[in-house]
Amino acid sequence: LVKNIVGAGMLCMPAGISAFSSSPGAVLPAITFTLLFGLASAYGFMLIADTCSRTGKQTYGDVWAKTVSPKTAWLPIVACLAKAGIGCMSYSMILGDCFSLLLEPSGLPPILCSRSTVILVLTALVLFPLCSMKSLAPLAKFSVLGVLGNTYVCFFVLLRYFD
């Protein structure tokens, strides 16, 4: 979870800030909004945990059925599915942008370096097989490697900021 949140933030935050301002002062409002949204998200998770505790249920659908209506218990399930799908699409876009830029100077034909081709190839050959695994336990060591990579990038960014 940490690797996903921090990793995506490290890629998206600088691009987002530079898209609306070239001033270094734009970092402060960006960090403020990030913290506010993080606090709102934490509060929402606390409310969900409290509701699960009070109802004795363990899933969104069960809690919804008990507190709202059993007829619409499918709504939170669809919302979670949509969120996961949008997250997958976002990561595919980030990977497509990064890898297409990395492939451009390689001398490959432009069609192979295009963002669309890279997204399709990565989705078919990497992301789909990973999503089809019955257990993600074999990926645990790579998750730790990802967290260490994120930590390294954070320290490097701080070093560059203060030099």
C-alpha atoms as a PDB file:
ATOM      1  CA  LEU A   1       0.000   0.000   0.000  1.00  0.00           C
ATOM      2  CA  VAL A   2       2.792   2.429   0.908  1.00  0.00           C
ATOM      3  CA  LYS A   3       4.655   1.680  -2.300  1.00  0.00           C
ATOM      4  CA  ASN A   4       1.576   2.403  -4.397  1.00  0.00           C
ATOM      5  CA  ILE A   5       0.650   5.648  -2.664  1.00  0.00           C
ATOM      6  CA  VAL A   6       4.158   7.064  -2.410  1.00  0.00           C
ATOM      7  CA  GLY A   7       5.217   5.744  -5.818  1.00  0.00           C
ATOM      8  CA  ALA A   8       2.285   7.259  -7.651  1.00  0.00           C
ATOM      9  CA  GLY A   9       2.657  10.498  -5.702  1.00  0.00           C
ATOM     10  CA  MET A  10       6.329  10.770  -6.600  1.00  0.00           C
ATOM     11  CA  LEU A  11       5.439  10.493 -10.270  1.00  0.00           C
ATOM     12  CA  CYS A  12       2.280  12.595 -10.304  1.00  0.00           C
ATOM     13  CA  MET A  13       3.005  15.398  -7.829  1.00  0.00           C
ATOM     14  CA  PRO A  14       5.910  17.001  -9.744  1.00  0.00           C
ATOM     15  CA  ALA A  15       4.036  16.737 -13.050  1.00  0.00           C
ATOM     16  CA  GLY A  16       0.908  18.224 -11.506  1.00  0.00           C
ATOM     17  CA  ILE A  17       2.750  21.108  -9.894  1.00  0.00           C
ATOM     18  CA  SER A  18       4.675  21.944 -13.052  1.00  0.00           C
ATOM     19  CA  ALA A  19       1.449  21.829 -15.080  1.00  0.00           C
ATOM     20  CA  PHE A  20      -0.052  24.780 -13.208  1.00  0.00           C
ATOM     21  CA  SER A  21       3.001  26.765 -12.089  1.00  0.00           C
ATOM     22  CA  SER A  22       6.724  27.110 -12.634  1.00  0.00           C
ATOM     23  CA  SER A  23       7.162  28.805  -9.260  1.00  0.00           C
ATOM     24  CA  PRO A  24       8.816  26.840  -6.439  1.00  0.00           C
ATOM     25  CA  GLY A  25       6.191  28.366  -4.152  1.00  0.00           C
ATOM     26  CA  ALA A  26       3.572  26.126  -5.757  1.00  0.00           C
ATOM     27  CA  VAL A  27       4.889  23.208  -3.723  1.00  0.00           C
ATOM     28  CA  LEU A  28       3.314  24.506  -0.494  1.00  0.00           C
ATOM     29  CA  PRO A  29      -0.325  24.535  -1.697  1.00  0.00           C
ATOM     30  CA  ALA A  30       0.207  21.169  -3.412  1.00  0.00           C
ATOM     31  CA  ILE A  31       1.507  19.604  -0.192  1.00  0.00           C
ATOM     32  CA  THR A  32      -1.297  21.268   1.799  1.00  0.00           C
ATOM     33  CA  PHE A  33      -3.985  19.831  -0.476  1.00  0.00           C
ATOM     34  CA  THR A  34      -2.294  16.425  -0.429  1.00  0.00           C
ATOM     35  CA  LEU A  35      -2.305  16.422   3.376  1.00  0.00           C
ATOM     36  CA  LEU A  36      -5.944  17.584   3.518  1.00  0.00           C
ATOM     37  CA  PHE A  37      -7.055  14.831   1.134  1.00  0.00           C
ATOM     38  CA  GLY A  38      -4.982  12.309   3.102  1.00  0.00           C
ATOM     39  CA  LEU A  39      -6.669  13.365   6.343  1.00  0.00           C
ATOM     40  CA  ALA A  40     -10.117  13.166   4.733  1.00  0.00           C
ATOM     41  CA  SER A  41      -9.259   9.687   3.438  1.00  0.00           C
ATOM     42  CA  ALA A  42      -8.041   8.566   6.882  1.00  0.00           C
ATOM     43  CA  TYR A  43     -11.239   9.896   8.459  1.00  0.00           C
ATOM     44  CA  GLY A  44     -13.315   7.978   5.907  1.00  0.00           C
ATOM     45  CA  PHE A  45     -11.428   4.765   6.674  1.00  0.00           C
ATOM     46  CA  MET A  46     -11.982   5.320  10.384  1.00  0.00           C
ATOM     47  CA  LEU A  47     -15.722   5.748   9.764  1.00  0.00           C
ATOM     48  CA  ILE A  48     -15.803   2.515   7.758  1.00  0.00           C
ATOM     49  CA  ALA A  49     -13.932   0.633  10.501  1.00  0.00           C
ATOM     50  CA  ASP A  50     -16.269   2.045  13.160  1.00  0.00           C
ATOM     51  CA  THR A  51     -19.349   1.054  11.152  1.00  0.00           C
ATOM     52  CA  CYS A  52     -17.973  -2.462  10.620  1.00  0.00           C
ATOM     53  CA  SER A  53     -17.274  -2.748  14.334  1.00  0.00           C
ATOM     54  CA  ARG A  54     -20.753  -1.553  15.331  1.00  0.00           C
ATOM     55  CA  THR A  55     -22.586  -3.795  12.867  1.00  0.00           C
ATOM     56  CA  GLY A  56     -20.334  -6.828  13.281  1.00  0.00           C
ATOM     57  CA  LYS A  57     -19.940  -7.093   9.496  1.00  0.00           C
ATOM     58  CA  GLN A  58     -16.710  -7.384   7.539  1.00  0.00           C
ATOM     59  CA  THR A  59     -17.461  -6.292   3.979  1.00  0.00           C
ATOM     60  CA  TYR A  60     -18.779  -3.103   2.424  1.00  0.00           C
ATOM     61  CA  GLY A  61     -21.717  -4.950   0.930  1.00  0.00           C
ATOM     62  CA  ASP A  62     -22.710  -6.523   4.260  1.00  0.00           C
ATOM     63  CA  VAL A  63     -22.418  -3.231   6.141  1.00  0.00           C
ATOM     64  CA  TRP A  64     -24.436  -1.459   3.443  1.00  0.00           C
ATOM     65  CA  ALA A  65     -27.124  -4.150   3.532  1.00  0.00           C
ATOM     66  CA  LYS A  66     -27.402  -3.858   7.320  1.00  0.00           C
ATOM     67  CA  THR A  67     -27.356  -0.035   7.527  1.00  0.00           C
ATOM     68  CA  VAL A  68     -28.935   1.134   4.259  1.00  0.00           C
ATOM     69  CA  SER A  69     -30.791  -1.506   2.253  1.00  0.00           C
ATOM     70  CA  PRO A  70     -30.166  -5.102   1.226  1.00  0.00           C
ATOM     71  CA  LYS A  71     -31.567  -4.290  -2.232  1.00  0.00           C
ATOM     72  CA  THR A  72     -28.745  -1.841  -2.958  1.00  0.00           C
ATOM     73  CA  ALA A  73     -25.900  -3.815  -1.321  1.00  0.00           C
ATOM     74  CA  TRP A  74     -24.324  -4.134  -4.782  1.00  0.00           C
ATOM     75  CA  LEU A  75     -23.553  -0.372  -4.929  1.00  0.00           C
ATOM     76  CA  PRO A  76     -20.422  -0.353  -2.708  1.00  0.00           C
ATOM     77  CA  ILE A  77     -19.154  -3.472  -4.463  1.00  0.00           C
ATOM     78  CA  VAL A  78     -19.475  -1.778  -7.862  1.00  0.00           C
ATOM     79  CA  ALA A  79     -17.840   1.380  -6.440  1.00  0.00           C
ATOM     80  CA  CYS A  80     -14.845  -0.639  -5.195  1.00  0.00           C
ATOM     81  CA  LEU A  81     -14.571  -2.413  -8.528  1.00  0.00           C
ATOM     82  CA  ALA A  82     -14.719   0.910 -10.403  1.00  0.00           C
ATOM     83  CA  LYS A  83     -12.039   2.411  -8.145  1.00  0.00           C
ATOM     84  CA  ALA A  84      -9.754  -0.559  -8.723  1.00  0.00           C
ATOM     85  CA  GLY A  85     -10.331  -0.353 -12.477  1.00  0.00           C
ATOM     86  CA  ILE A  86      -9.588   3.371 -12.552  1.00  0.00           C
ATOM     87  CA  GLY A  87      -6.434   2.753 -10.485  1.00  0.00           C
ATOM     88  CA  CYS A  88      -5.261   0.102 -12.961  1.00  0.00           C
ATOM     89  CA  MET A  89      -5.942   2.449 -15.847  1.00  0.00           C
ATOM     90  CA  SER A  90      -4.008   5.255 -14.126  1.00  0.00           C
ATOM     91  CA  TYR A  91      -0.988   3.041 -13.518  1.00  0.00           C
ATOM     92  CA  SER A  92      -1.108   1.817 -17.109  1.00  0.00           C
ATOM     93  CA  MET A  93      -1.086   5.438 -18.298  1.00  0.00           C
ATOM     94  CA  ILE A  94       1.878   6.289 -16.055  1.00  0.00           C
ATOM     95  CA  LEU A  95       3.798   3.230 -17.249  1.00  0.00           C
ATOM     96  CA  GLY A  96       2.910   3.999 -20.863  1.00  0.00           C
ATOM     97  CA  ASP A  97       4.175   7.568 -20.548  1.00  0.00           C
ATOM     98  CA  CYS A  98       7.422   6.547 -18.836  1.00  0.00           C
ATOM     99  CA  PHE A  99       8.296   3.607 -21.078  1.00  0.00           C
ATOM    100  CA  SER A 100       7.401   5.366 -24.330  1.00  0.00           C
ATOM    101  CA  LEU A 101       9.796   8.178 -23.399  1.00  0.00           C
ATOM    102  CA  LEU A 102      12.487   5.627 -22.516  1.00  0.00           C
ATOM    103  CA  LEU A 103      12.043   3.771 -25.809  1.00  0.00           C
ATOM    104  CA  GLU A 104      12.143   6.832 -28.106  1.00  0.00           C
ATOM    105  CA  PRO A 105      15.956   7.175 -28.211  1.00  0.00           C
ATOM    106  CA  SER A 106      16.421   3.405 -28.743  1.00  0.00           C
ATOM    107  CA  GLY A 107      16.004   3.649 -32.521  1.00  0.00           C
ATOM    108  CA  LEU A 108      12.936   1.390 -32.645  1.00  0.00           C
ATOM    109  CA  PRO A 109      10.220   2.205 -35.196  1.00  0.00           C
ATOM    110  CA  PRO A 110       7.924   4.978 -33.922  1.00  0.00           C
ATOM    111  CA  ILE A 111       4.898   2.662 -33.833  1.00  0.00           C
ATOM    112  CA  LEU A 112       6.647   0.461 -31.241  1.00  0.00           C
ATOM    113  CA  CYS A 113       7.558   3.477 -29.100  1.00  0.00           C
ATOM    114  CA  SER A 114       4.085   5.002 -29.134  1.00  0.00           C
ATOM    115  CA  ARG A 115       2.249   5.354 -25.847  1.00  0.00           C
ATOM    116  CA  SER A 116      -0.675   3.212 -27.031  1.00  0.00           C
ATOM    117  CA  THR A 117       1.551   0.341 -28.138  1.00  0.00           C
ATOM    118  CA  VAL A 118       3.543   0.421 -24.915  1.00  0.00           C
ATOM    119  CA  ILE A 119       0.347   0.379 -22.816  1.00  0.00           C
ATOM    120  CA  LEU A 120      -1.090  -2.549 -24.791  1.00  0.00           C
ATOM    121  CA  VAL A 121       2.127  -4.577 -24.615  1.00  0.00           C
ATOM    122  CA  LEU A 122       2.650  -3.911 -20.889  1.00  0.00           C
ATOM    123  CA  THR A 123      -0.970  -4.742 -20.123  1.00  0.00           C
ATOM    124  CA  ALA A 124      -0.965  -7.975 -22.132  1.00  0.00           C
ATOM    125  CA  LEU A 125       2.492  -9.269 -21.199  1.00  0.00           C
ATOM    126  CA  VAL A 126       3.045  -7.935 -17.661  1.00  0.00           C
ATOM    127  CA  LEU A 127      -0.022  -6.550 -15.890  1.00  0.00           C
ATOM    128  CA  PHE A 128      -2.591  -9.180 -16.939  1.00  0.00           C
ATOM    129  CA  PRO A 129      -0.408 -12.148 -15.912  1.00  0.00           C
ATOM    130  CA  LEU A 130       0.327 -10.453 -12.567  1.00  0.00           C
ATOM    131  CA  CYS A 131      -3.385  -9.820 -11.990  1.00  0.00           C
ATOM    132  CA  SER A 132      -4.172 -13.440 -12.830  1.00  0.00           C
ATOM    133  CA  MET A 133      -1.976 -14.850 -10.063  1.00  0.00           C
ATOM    134  CA  LYS A 134      -3.893 -16.791  -7.400  1.00  0.00           C
ATOM    135  CA  SER A 135      -1.592 -15.541  -4.660  1.00  0.00           C
ATOM    136  CA  LEU A 136       0.473 -12.374  -4.591  1.00  0.00           C
ATOM    137  CA  ALA A 137       2.796 -13.761  -1.905  1.00  0.00           C
ATOM    138  CA  PRO A 138       5.664 -14.367  -4.397  1.00  0.00           C
ATOM    139  CA  LEU A 139       5.678 -10.618  -5.121  1.00  0.00           C
ATOM    140  CA  ALA A 140       6.327  -9.635  -1.475  1.00  0.00           C
ATOM    141  CA  LYS A 141      10.109  -9.351  -1.915  1.00  0.00           C
ATOM    142  CA  PHE A 142       9.616  -7.064  -4.917  1.00  0.00           C
ATOM    143  CA  SER A 143       7.229  -4.922  -2.889  1.00  0.00           C
ATOM    144  CA  VAL A 144       9.955  -4.388  -0.290  1.00  0.00           C
ATOM    145  CA  LEU A 145      12.353  -3.539  -3.114  1.00  0.00           C
ATOM    146  CA  GLY A 146       9.826  -0.978  -4.385  1.00  0.00           C
ATOM    147  CA  VAL A 147       9.535   0.643  -0.944  1.00  0.00           C
ATOM    148  CA  LEU A 148      13.331   0.851  -0.728  1.00  0.00           C
ATOM    149  CA  GLY A 149      13.415   2.403  -4.204  1.00  0.00           C
ATOM    150  CA  ASN A 150      10.822   4.993  -3.175  1.00  0.00           C
ATOM    151  CA  THR A 151      12.837   5.794  -0.052  1.00  0.00           C
ATOM    152  CA  TYR A 152      15.977   6.254  -2.152  1.00  0.00           C
ATOM    153  CA  VAL A 153      14.162   8.615  -4.529  1.00  0.00           C
ATOM    154  CA  CYS A 154      12.765  10.645  -1.597  1.00  0.00           C
ATOM    155  CA  PHE A 155      16.243  11.079  -0.103  1.00  0.00           C
ATOM    156  CA  PHE A 156      17.665  11.987  -3.502  1.00  0.00           C
ATOM    157  CA  VAL A 157      14.942  14.589  -4.080  1.00  0.00           C
ATOM    158  CA  LEU A 158      15.618  16.102  -0.635  1.00  0.00           C
ATOM    159  CA  LEU A 159      19.343  16.152  -1.384  1.00  0.00           C
ATOM    160  CA  ARG A 160      18.710  17.955  -4.691  1.00  0.00           C
ATOM    161  CA  TYR A 161      16.315  20.397  -3.007  1.00  0.00           C
ATOM    162  CA  PHE A 162      18.880  21.468  -0.410  1.00  0.00           C
ATOM    163  CA  ASP A 163      21.945  21.651  -2.682  1.00  0.00           C
END
